[in-house]
N, C-alpha and C. Protein backbone atom coordinates (compact mmCIF):
# COMPACT_ATOMS: atom_id res chain seq x y z
N UNK A 1 72.06 -132.81 -22.23
CA UNK A 1 70.76 -132.50 -22.82
C UNK A 1 69.66 -133.16 -21.98
N UNK A 2 68.68 -132.35 -21.60
CA UNK A 2 67.59 -132.85 -20.79
C UNK A 2 66.60 -133.59 -21.68
N UNK A 3 66.22 -134.79 -21.24
CA UNK A 3 65.22 -135.56 -21.97
C UNK A 3 64.23 -136.16 -20.99
N UNK A 4 62.98 -136.03 -21.30
CA UNK A 4 61.90 -136.69 -20.57
C UNK A 4 60.92 -137.19 -21.62
N UNK A 5 60.79 -138.50 -21.72
CA UNK A 5 59.93 -139.09 -22.73
C UNK A 5 58.92 -140.00 -22.05
N UNK A 6 57.67 -139.55 -22.04
CA UNK A 6 56.59 -140.30 -21.42
C UNK A 6 55.86 -141.13 -22.47
N UNK A 7 55.38 -142.30 -22.05
CA UNK A 7 54.64 -143.16 -22.96
C UNK A 7 53.70 -144.06 -22.17
N UNK A 8 52.79 -144.71 -22.89
CA UNK A 8 51.92 -145.69 -22.26
C UNK A 8 50.49 -145.24 -22.06
N UNK A 9 50.18 -143.99 -22.39
CA UNK A 9 48.81 -143.53 -22.23
C UNK A 9 47.88 -144.11 -23.27
N UNK A 10 46.60 -143.78 -23.15
CA UNK A 10 45.63 -144.27 -24.11
C UNK A 10 44.22 -144.07 -23.60
N UNK A 11 43.30 -144.69 -24.32
CA UNK A 11 41.88 -144.66 -23.95
C UNK A 11 41.53 -145.94 -23.21
N UNK A 12 40.93 -145.81 -22.05
CA UNK A 12 40.58 -146.99 -21.26
C UNK A 12 39.22 -146.76 -20.61
N UNK A 13 38.50 -147.85 -20.40
CA UNK A 13 37.20 -147.75 -19.76
C UNK A 13 37.36 -147.57 -18.24
N UNK A 14 36.37 -146.98 -17.60
CA UNK A 14 36.42 -146.89 -16.13
C UNK A 14 36.63 -148.25 -15.51
N UNK A 15 37.51 -148.28 -14.51
CA UNK A 15 37.87 -149.54 -13.88
C UNK A 15 39.07 -150.22 -14.50
N UNK A 16 39.51 -149.72 -15.64
CA UNK A 16 40.64 -150.33 -16.33
C UNK A 16 41.98 -149.91 -15.77
N UNK A 17 43.04 -150.39 -16.43
CA UNK A 17 44.41 -150.14 -15.97
C UNK A 17 45.29 -149.67 -17.12
N UNK A 18 46.30 -148.91 -16.77
CA UNK A 18 47.34 -148.51 -17.71
C UNK A 18 48.66 -148.46 -16.95
N UNK A 19 49.74 -148.64 -17.68
CA UNK A 19 51.09 -148.52 -17.10
C UNK A 19 51.86 -147.49 -17.91
N UNK A 20 52.22 -146.41 -17.27
CA UNK A 20 52.98 -145.36 -17.92
C UNK A 20 54.47 -145.56 -17.67
N UNK A 21 55.27 -145.12 -18.63
CA UNK A 21 56.73 -145.17 -18.52
C UNK A 21 57.30 -143.79 -18.82
N UNK A 22 58.42 -143.50 -18.20
CA UNK A 22 59.11 -142.23 -18.45
C UNK A 22 60.60 -142.51 -18.50
N UNK A 23 61.20 -142.24 -19.64
CA UNK A 23 62.65 -142.34 -19.79
C UNK A 23 63.24 -140.96 -19.59
N UNK A 24 64.12 -140.84 -18.61
CA UNK A 24 64.68 -139.54 -18.26
C UNK A 24 66.19 -139.51 -18.48
N UNK A 25 66.70 -138.37 -18.85
CA UNK A 25 68.14 -138.22 -18.97
C UNK A 25 68.76 -138.23 -17.57
N UNK A 26 70.03 -138.59 -17.53
CA UNK A 26 70.69 -138.73 -16.25
C UNK A 26 70.69 -137.46 -15.42
N UNK A 27 70.78 -136.32 -16.10
CA UNK A 27 70.85 -135.05 -15.38
C UNK A 27 69.56 -134.79 -14.59
N UNK A 28 68.44 -135.30 -15.08
CA UNK A 28 67.16 -135.12 -14.38
C UNK A 28 66.97 -136.21 -13.35
N UNK A 29 67.36 -137.40 -13.69
CA UNK A 29 66.99 -138.58 -12.90
C UNK A 29 67.90 -138.83 -11.71
N UNK A 30 69.19 -138.68 -11.95
CA UNK A 30 70.17 -139.18 -10.99
C UNK A 30 70.02 -138.53 -9.62
N UNK A 31 69.91 -139.35 -8.61
CA UNK A 31 69.86 -138.96 -7.20
C UNK A 31 68.64 -138.12 -6.84
N UNK A 32 67.73 -137.95 -7.78
CA UNK A 32 66.58 -137.08 -7.53
C UNK A 32 65.32 -137.86 -7.19
N UNK A 33 64.49 -137.21 -6.36
CA UNK A 33 63.12 -137.69 -6.24
C UNK A 33 62.41 -137.41 -7.56
N UNK A 34 61.75 -138.43 -8.09
CA UNK A 34 61.03 -138.30 -9.34
C UNK A 34 59.54 -138.42 -9.08
N UNK A 35 58.76 -137.80 -9.96
CA UNK A 35 57.32 -137.82 -9.74
C UNK A 35 56.54 -137.88 -11.03
N UNK A 36 55.30 -138.25 -10.91
CA UNK A 36 54.34 -138.17 -11.99
C UNK A 36 53.36 -137.04 -11.67
N UNK A 37 53.19 -136.19 -12.65
CA UNK A 37 52.26 -135.08 -12.56
C UNK A 37 51.16 -135.29 -13.61
N UNK A 38 50.07 -134.58 -13.42
CA UNK A 38 49.04 -134.61 -14.46
C UNK A 38 48.37 -133.25 -14.57
N UNK A 39 47.86 -132.99 -15.77
CA UNK A 39 47.16 -131.74 -16.01
C UNK A 39 45.90 -132.03 -16.81
N UNK A 40 44.78 -131.78 -16.19
CA UNK A 40 43.48 -131.95 -16.86
C UNK A 40 43.11 -130.63 -17.54
N UNK A 41 42.27 -130.67 -18.55
CA UNK A 41 41.86 -129.45 -19.25
C UNK A 41 41.30 -128.41 -18.28
N UNK A 42 41.83 -127.20 -18.38
CA UNK A 42 41.35 -126.11 -17.55
C UNK A 42 41.84 -126.13 -16.12
N UNK A 43 42.74 -127.06 -15.80
CA UNK A 43 43.23 -127.17 -14.42
C UNK A 43 44.74 -127.03 -14.38
N UNK A 44 45.25 -126.74 -13.20
CA UNK A 44 46.69 -126.64 -13.04
C UNK A 44 47.31 -128.03 -12.97
N UNK A 45 48.57 -128.08 -13.30
CA UNK A 45 49.31 -129.32 -13.19
C UNK A 45 49.44 -129.69 -11.73
N UNK A 46 49.23 -130.97 -11.41
CA UNK A 46 49.32 -131.44 -10.02
C UNK A 46 50.23 -132.66 -9.94
N UNK A 47 50.88 -132.79 -8.82
CA UNK A 47 51.72 -133.94 -8.54
C UNK A 47 50.85 -135.05 -7.97
N UNK A 48 50.91 -136.24 -8.57
CA UNK A 48 50.06 -137.34 -8.07
C UNK A 48 50.86 -138.43 -7.38
N UNK A 49 52.14 -138.56 -7.69
CA UNK A 49 52.94 -139.61 -7.06
C UNK A 49 54.41 -139.22 -7.13
N UNK A 50 55.15 -139.59 -6.11
CA UNK A 50 56.58 -139.31 -6.09
C UNK A 50 57.31 -140.52 -5.52
N UNK A 51 58.60 -140.63 -5.91
CA UNK A 51 59.43 -141.71 -5.40
C UNK A 51 60.84 -141.18 -5.22
N UNK A 52 61.41 -141.43 -4.06
CA UNK A 52 62.77 -140.97 -3.79
C UNK A 52 63.79 -141.88 -4.48
N UNK A 53 65.04 -141.48 -4.48
CA UNK A 53 66.09 -142.31 -5.08
C UNK A 53 66.20 -143.64 -4.35
N UNK A 54 65.80 -143.67 -3.09
CA UNK A 54 65.85 -144.90 -2.32
C UNK A 54 64.60 -145.75 -2.40
N UNK A 55 63.56 -145.24 -3.09
CA UNK A 55 62.37 -146.03 -3.30
C UNK A 55 61.19 -145.72 -2.41
N UNK A 56 61.28 -144.72 -1.55
CA UNK A 56 60.13 -144.34 -0.74
C UNK A 56 59.12 -143.61 -1.60
N UNK A 57 57.85 -143.90 -1.37
CA UNK A 57 56.80 -143.36 -2.24
C UNK A 57 55.78 -142.54 -1.45
N UNK A 58 55.11 -141.67 -2.18
CA UNK A 58 54.07 -140.83 -1.61
C UNK A 58 53.06 -140.53 -2.70
N UNK A 59 51.76 -140.48 -2.31
CA UNK A 59 50.70 -140.31 -3.31
C UNK A 59 49.72 -139.22 -2.90
N UNK A 60 49.14 -138.59 -3.90
CA UNK A 60 48.02 -137.70 -3.64
C UNK A 60 46.84 -138.53 -3.17
N UNK A 61 46.01 -137.93 -2.33
CA UNK A 61 44.85 -138.65 -1.78
C UNK A 61 43.95 -139.20 -2.89
N UNK A 62 43.86 -138.46 -3.98
CA UNK A 62 42.94 -138.83 -5.06
C UNK A 62 43.34 -140.13 -5.77
N UNK A 63 44.60 -140.55 -5.64
CA UNK A 63 45.06 -141.76 -6.33
C UNK A 63 45.57 -142.83 -5.38
N UNK A 64 45.60 -142.52 -4.11
CA UNK A 64 46.14 -143.46 -3.13
C UNK A 64 45.36 -144.77 -3.17
N UNK A 65 46.09 -145.88 -3.19
CA UNK A 65 45.47 -147.18 -3.24
C UNK A 65 45.15 -147.67 -4.64
N UNK A 66 45.26 -146.79 -5.63
CA UNK A 66 44.97 -147.17 -7.02
C UNK A 66 46.20 -147.08 -7.91
N UNK A 67 47.09 -146.14 -7.63
CA UNK A 67 48.28 -145.93 -8.44
C UNK A 67 49.51 -146.41 -7.67
N UNK A 68 50.51 -146.85 -8.43
CA UNK A 68 51.78 -147.27 -7.82
C UNK A 68 52.93 -146.77 -8.68
N UNK A 69 53.83 -146.03 -8.07
CA UNK A 69 55.01 -145.51 -8.76
C UNK A 69 56.21 -146.39 -8.45
N UNK A 70 57.06 -146.57 -9.44
CA UNK A 70 58.28 -147.35 -9.25
C UNK A 70 59.36 -146.77 -10.17
N UNK A 71 60.58 -147.21 -9.97
CA UNK A 71 61.68 -146.72 -10.78
C UNK A 71 62.70 -147.81 -11.01
N UNK A 72 63.39 -147.71 -12.14
CA UNK A 72 64.48 -148.61 -12.48
C UNK A 72 65.72 -147.73 -12.63
N UNK A 73 66.53 -147.68 -11.58
CA UNK A 73 67.68 -146.78 -11.58
C UNK A 73 68.73 -147.16 -12.62
N UNK A 74 68.78 -148.40 -13.02
CA UNK A 74 69.75 -148.82 -14.03
C UNK A 74 69.39 -148.27 -15.41
N UNK A 75 68.09 -147.97 -15.59
CA UNK A 75 67.62 -147.52 -16.91
C UNK A 75 67.09 -146.09 -16.87
N UNK A 76 67.27 -145.39 -15.75
CA UNK A 76 66.76 -144.02 -15.62
C UNK A 76 65.30 -143.93 -16.04
N UNK A 77 64.49 -144.85 -15.57
CA UNK A 77 63.10 -144.93 -15.99
C UNK A 77 62.19 -144.95 -14.77
N UNK A 78 61.08 -144.25 -14.90
CA UNK A 78 60.07 -144.21 -13.85
C UNK A 78 58.77 -144.75 -14.43
N UNK A 79 58.04 -145.49 -13.62
CA UNK A 79 56.79 -146.10 -14.06
C UNK A 79 55.63 -145.62 -13.18
N UNK A 80 54.44 -145.68 -13.75
CA UNK A 80 53.24 -145.43 -12.96
C UNK A 80 52.20 -146.47 -13.36
N UNK A 81 51.93 -147.38 -12.46
CA UNK A 81 50.87 -148.36 -12.67
C UNK A 81 49.57 -147.76 -12.15
N UNK A 82 48.59 -147.67 -13.03
CA UNK A 82 47.32 -147.05 -12.68
C UNK A 82 46.21 -148.08 -12.79
N UNK A 83 45.57 -148.36 -11.70
CA UNK A 83 44.47 -149.33 -11.65
C UNK A 83 43.18 -148.63 -11.23
N UNK A 84 42.07 -149.31 -11.45
CA UNK A 84 40.75 -148.78 -11.07
C UNK A 84 40.57 -147.35 -11.55
N UNK A 85 40.89 -147.12 -12.79
CA UNK A 85 40.86 -145.76 -13.34
C UNK A 85 39.45 -145.20 -13.35
N UNK A 86 39.38 -143.89 -13.13
CA UNK A 86 38.11 -143.17 -13.08
C UNK A 86 38.13 -142.07 -14.14
N UNK A 87 36.96 -141.62 -14.57
CA UNK A 87 36.92 -140.52 -15.55
C UNK A 87 37.70 -139.29 -15.09
N UNK A 88 37.71 -139.03 -13.80
CA UNK A 88 38.44 -137.87 -13.30
C UNK A 88 39.96 -138.03 -13.35
N UNK A 89 40.44 -139.20 -13.71
CA UNK A 89 41.87 -139.40 -13.93
C UNK A 89 42.29 -138.94 -15.33
N UNK A 90 41.34 -138.58 -16.16
CA UNK A 90 41.65 -138.12 -17.51
C UNK A 90 42.51 -136.86 -17.46
N UNK A 91 43.66 -136.93 -18.11
CA UNK A 91 44.61 -135.82 -18.09
C UNK A 91 45.80 -136.18 -18.96
N UNK A 92 46.66 -135.18 -19.18
CA UNK A 92 47.98 -135.46 -19.75
C UNK A 92 48.92 -135.70 -18.57
N UNK A 93 49.65 -136.80 -18.62
CA UNK A 93 50.54 -137.19 -17.53
C UNK A 93 51.98 -136.91 -17.94
N UNK A 94 52.73 -136.31 -17.00
CA UNK A 94 54.11 -135.96 -17.20
C UNK A 94 54.95 -136.51 -16.05
N UNK A 95 56.22 -136.74 -16.33
CA UNK A 95 57.14 -137.05 -15.23
C UNK A 95 58.18 -135.95 -15.16
N UNK A 96 58.75 -135.81 -13.98
CA UNK A 96 59.81 -134.83 -13.77
C UNK A 96 60.37 -135.04 -12.38
N UNK A 97 61.41 -134.33 -12.07
CA UNK A 97 61.93 -134.39 -10.72
C UNK A 97 60.95 -133.68 -9.79
N UNK A 98 61.13 -133.91 -8.49
CA UNK A 98 60.27 -133.26 -7.50
C UNK A 98 61.17 -132.56 -6.47
N UNK A 99 61.03 -131.22 -6.29
CA UNK A 99 60.19 -130.32 -7.08
C UNK A 99 60.78 -130.07 -8.47
N UNK A 100 59.94 -129.71 -9.40
CA UNK A 100 60.40 -129.52 -10.77
C UNK A 100 61.05 -128.16 -10.98
N UNK A 101 60.63 -127.15 -10.23
CA UNK A 101 61.17 -125.81 -10.42
C UNK A 101 60.37 -125.02 -11.43
N UNK A 102 60.34 -123.72 -11.26
CA UNK A 102 59.48 -122.87 -12.09
C UNK A 102 59.94 -122.81 -13.54
N UNK A 103 61.19 -123.06 -13.81
CA UNK A 103 61.70 -123.01 -15.19
C UNK A 103 62.07 -124.39 -15.72
N UNK A 104 61.43 -125.40 -15.16
CA UNK A 104 61.78 -126.77 -15.54
C UNK A 104 61.40 -127.07 -16.98
N UNK A 105 62.19 -127.92 -17.59
CA UNK A 105 61.84 -128.48 -18.90
C UNK A 105 60.81 -129.58 -18.68
N UNK A 106 59.79 -129.61 -19.56
CA UNK A 106 58.77 -130.66 -19.49
C UNK A 106 58.73 -131.41 -20.82
N UNK A 107 58.54 -132.70 -20.76
CA UNK A 107 58.38 -133.50 -21.96
C UNK A 107 57.01 -133.28 -22.58
N UNK A 108 56.69 -134.09 -23.57
CA UNK A 108 55.43 -133.91 -24.28
C UNK A 108 54.25 -134.50 -23.52
N UNK A 109 54.53 -135.32 -22.52
CA UNK A 109 53.46 -135.96 -21.77
C UNK A 109 52.79 -137.08 -22.54
N UNK A 110 51.92 -137.80 -21.85
CA UNK A 110 51.15 -138.87 -22.48
C UNK A 110 49.69 -138.73 -22.04
N UNK A 111 48.80 -138.78 -23.01
CA UNK A 111 47.37 -138.55 -22.74
C UNK A 111 46.73 -139.82 -22.19
N UNK A 112 46.03 -139.66 -21.08
CA UNK A 112 45.22 -140.74 -20.51
C UNK A 112 43.76 -140.28 -20.54
N UNK A 113 42.93 -141.08 -21.18
CA UNK A 113 41.51 -140.77 -21.27
C UNK A 113 40.73 -141.96 -20.72
N UNK A 114 39.92 -141.68 -19.70
CA UNK A 114 39.11 -142.72 -19.09
C UNK A 114 37.64 -142.42 -19.41
N UNK A 115 37.09 -143.27 -20.25
CA UNK A 115 35.73 -143.02 -20.73
C UNK A 115 35.10 -144.31 -21.21
N UNK A 116 33.79 -144.41 -21.04
CA UNK A 116 33.07 -145.57 -21.56
C UNK A 116 32.52 -145.27 -22.95
């Protein structure tokens, strides 16, 4: 059974920080590159950070230097540390394998709202 459970979102002021967590089932997580995606209202879902099974990371230009992705392979969990948050970071954040595939299962996501 595929499971992706995201948590850690919330309302934060500009410049603030949040740490997102994603618990994934083994079938999704094991040996796969995992990523954090986000979808803002009226926009397509975009990949913002990815991490390989070996720990190599890559970031979208819009979050480079502010976000950090990590993973705990013993717990099938992926994290996203988000610092210096901006209003344009407001979105629902999802995790999934990379690439996710056109028929991928998606979890419920976690809402991040950056506003004063």
